C-alpha atoms as a PDB file:
ATOM      1  CA  MET A   1     -12.897 -38.516  25.935  1.00  0.00           C
ATOM      2  CA  LYS A   2     -12.312 -34.819  26.531  1.00  0.00           C
ATOM      3  CA  LYS A   3      -9.382 -34.625  24.086  1.00  0.00           C
ATOM      4  CA  SER A   4     -11.512 -36.150  21.321  1.00  0.00           C
ATOM      5  CA  THR A   5     -14.248 -33.580  21.913  1.00  0.00           C
ATOM      6  CA  ASP A   6     -11.705 -30.754  22.005  1.00  0.00           C
ATOM      7  CA  LYS A   7     -10.244 -31.881  18.681  1.00  0.00           C
ATOM      8  CA  LYS A   8     -13.700 -31.974  17.105  1.00  0.00           C
ATOM      9  CA  GLU A   9     -14.513 -28.511  18.425  1.00  0.00           C
ATOM     10  CA  LEU A  10     -11.182 -27.114  17.238  1.00  0.00           C
ATOM     11  CA  SER A  11     -11.651 -28.728  13.854  1.00  0.00           C
ATOM     12  CA  LYS A  12     -15.121 -27.208  13.522  1.00  0.00           C
ATOM     13  CA  LYS A  13     -13.828 -23.771  14.571  1.00  0.00           C
ATOM     14  CA  ALA A  14     -10.970 -24.033  12.088  1.00  0.00           C
ATOM     15  CA  THR A  15     -13.398 -24.972   9.305  1.00  0.00           C
ATOM     16  CA  ASP A  16     -15.691 -22.075  10.225  1.00  0.00           C
ATOM     17  CA  TYR A  17     -12.766 -19.621  10.241  1.00  0.00           C
ATOM     18  CA  GLN A  18     -11.567 -20.960   6.884  1.00  0.00           C
ATOM     19  CA  LYS A  19     -15.037 -20.448   5.368  1.00  0.00           C
ATOM     20  CA  GLU A  20     -15.153 -16.912   6.752  1.00  0.00           C
ATOM     21  CA  LEU A  21     -11.689 -16.127   5.370  1.00  0.00           C
ATOM     22  CA  ASN A  22     -12.662 -17.540   1.960  1.00  0.00           C
ATOM     23  CA  GLN A  23     -15.709 -15.260   1.897  1.00  0.00           C
ATOM     24  CA  ILE A  24     -13.542 -12.236   2.769  1.00  0.00           C
ATOM     25  CA  PHE A  25     -11.000 -13.128   0.072  1.00  0.00           C
ATOM     26  CA  ASP A  26     -13.732 -13.747  -2.509  1.00  0.00           C
ATOM     27  CA  LYS A  27     -15.261 -10.328  -1.780  1.00  0.00           C
ATOM     28  CA  ALA A  28     -11.867  -8.603  -1.962  1.00  0.00           C
ATOM     29  CA  LEU A  29     -11.004 -10.405  -5.203  1.00  0.00           C
ATOM     30  CA  LYS A  30     -14.282  -9.321  -6.809  1.00  0.00           C
ATOM     31  CA  GLU A  31     -13.586  -5.717  -5.830  1.00  0.00           C
ATOM     32  CA  VAL A  32     -10.052  -5.872  -7.229  1.00  0.00           C
ATOM     33  CA  ASP A  33     -11.269  -7.573 -10.428  1.00  0.00           C
ATOM     34  CA  SER A  34     -13.938  -4.889 -10.835  1.00  0.00           C
ATOM     35  CA  GLU A  35     -11.446  -2.046 -10.420  1.00  0.00           C
ATOM     36  CA  LEU A  36      -8.978  -3.772 -12.721  1.00  0.00           C
ATOM     37  CA  LEU A  37     -11.607  -4.205 -15.438  1.00  0.00           C
ATOM     38  CA  GLU A  38     -12.567  -0.525 -15.121  1.00  0.00           C
ATOM     39  CA  THR A  39      -8.905   0.448 -15.535  1.00  0.00           C
ATOM     40  CA  LEU A  40      -8.464  -1.856 -18.510  1.00  0.00           C
ATOM     41  CA  ASP A  41     -11.632  -0.486 -20.078  1.00  0.00           C
ATOM     42  CA  PHE A  42     -10.182   3.024 -19.734  1.00  0.00           C
ATOM     43  CA  VAL A  43      -6.814   1.921 -21.159  1.00  0.00           C
ATOM     44  CA  SER A  44      -8.478   0.134 -24.058  1.00  0.00           C
ATOM     45  CA  LYS A  45     -10.215   3.370 -25.050  1.00  0.00           C
ATOM     46  CA  LEU A  46      -6.918   5.223 -25.311  1.00  0.00           C
ATOM     47  CA  SER A  47      -5.506   5.705 -28.781  1.00  0.00           C
ATOM     48  CA  VAL A  48      -3.440   2.611 -29.521  1.00  0.00           C
ATOM     49  CA  GLU A  49      -1.339   2.442 -32.680  1.00  0.00           C
ATOM     50  CA  ASP A  50      -1.069  -1.319 -32.701  1.00  0.00           C
ATOM     51  CA  ASN A  51      -4.463  -2.969 -32.193  1.00  0.00           C
ATOM     52  CA  SER A  52      -2.794  -6.301 -31.549  1.00  0.00           C
ATOM     53  CA  GLN A  53      -1.393  -5.018 -28.251  1.00  0.00           C
ATOM     54  CA  MET A  54      -2.495  -7.352 -25.511  1.00  0.00           C
ATOM     55  CA  PHE A  55      -2.708  -6.957 -21.769  1.00  0.00           C
ATOM     56  CA  GLN A  56      -2.146 -10.093 -19.731  1.00  0.00           C
ATOM     57  CA  ILE A  57      -3.478 -10.251 -16.210  1.00  0.00           C
ATOM     58  CA  THR A  58      -2.948 -13.166 -13.892  1.00  0.00           C
ATOM     59  CA  THR A  59      -4.871 -13.385 -10.653  1.00  0.00           C
ATOM     60  CA  THR A  60      -4.160 -16.005  -8.024  1.00  0.00           C
ATOM     61  CA  HIS A  61      -6.721 -17.154  -5.527  1.00  0.00           C
ATOM     62  CA  SER A  62      -6.998 -20.291  -3.394  1.00  0.00           C
ATOM     63  CA  GLY A  63      -3.976 -21.839  -5.060  1.00  0.00           C
ATOM     64  CA  THR A  64      -5.363 -21.515  -8.573  1.00  0.00           C
ATOM     65  CA  ALA A  65      -4.388 -19.063 -11.267  1.00  0.00           C
ATOM     66  CA  LYS A  66      -6.423 -17.813 -14.154  1.00  0.00           C
ATOM     67  CA  GLN A  67      -5.216 -15.742 -17.056  1.00  0.00           C
ATOM     68  CA  ASN A  68      -7.331 -13.196 -18.864  1.00  0.00           C
ATOM     69  CA  ASN A  69      -6.198 -11.910 -22.241  1.00  0.00           C
ATOM     70  CA  ILE A  70      -7.722  -8.533 -22.880  1.00  0.00           C
ATOM     71  CA  TYR A  71      -7.095  -6.852 -26.202  1.00  0.00           C
ATOM     72  CA  ALA A  72      -7.076  -3.097 -26.586  1.00  0.00           C
ATOM     73  CA  GLU A  73      -9.362  -1.756 -29.261  1.00  0.00           C
END
């Protein structure tokens, strides 16, 4: 009986830690995304000869990837 209870407690602790880590990673990712967008905004305002130049950014989080295509103006 004790082993079953221990497994449940460990499972709950692991789930709680995973939720906490996800929150930390989400916060860090938002900060990085924000700084990256500020940098890209600055770069897009630079004089660019070819307006079709494109910046590709890929961010990976929780096993998923998303791609943002940002065009310089």
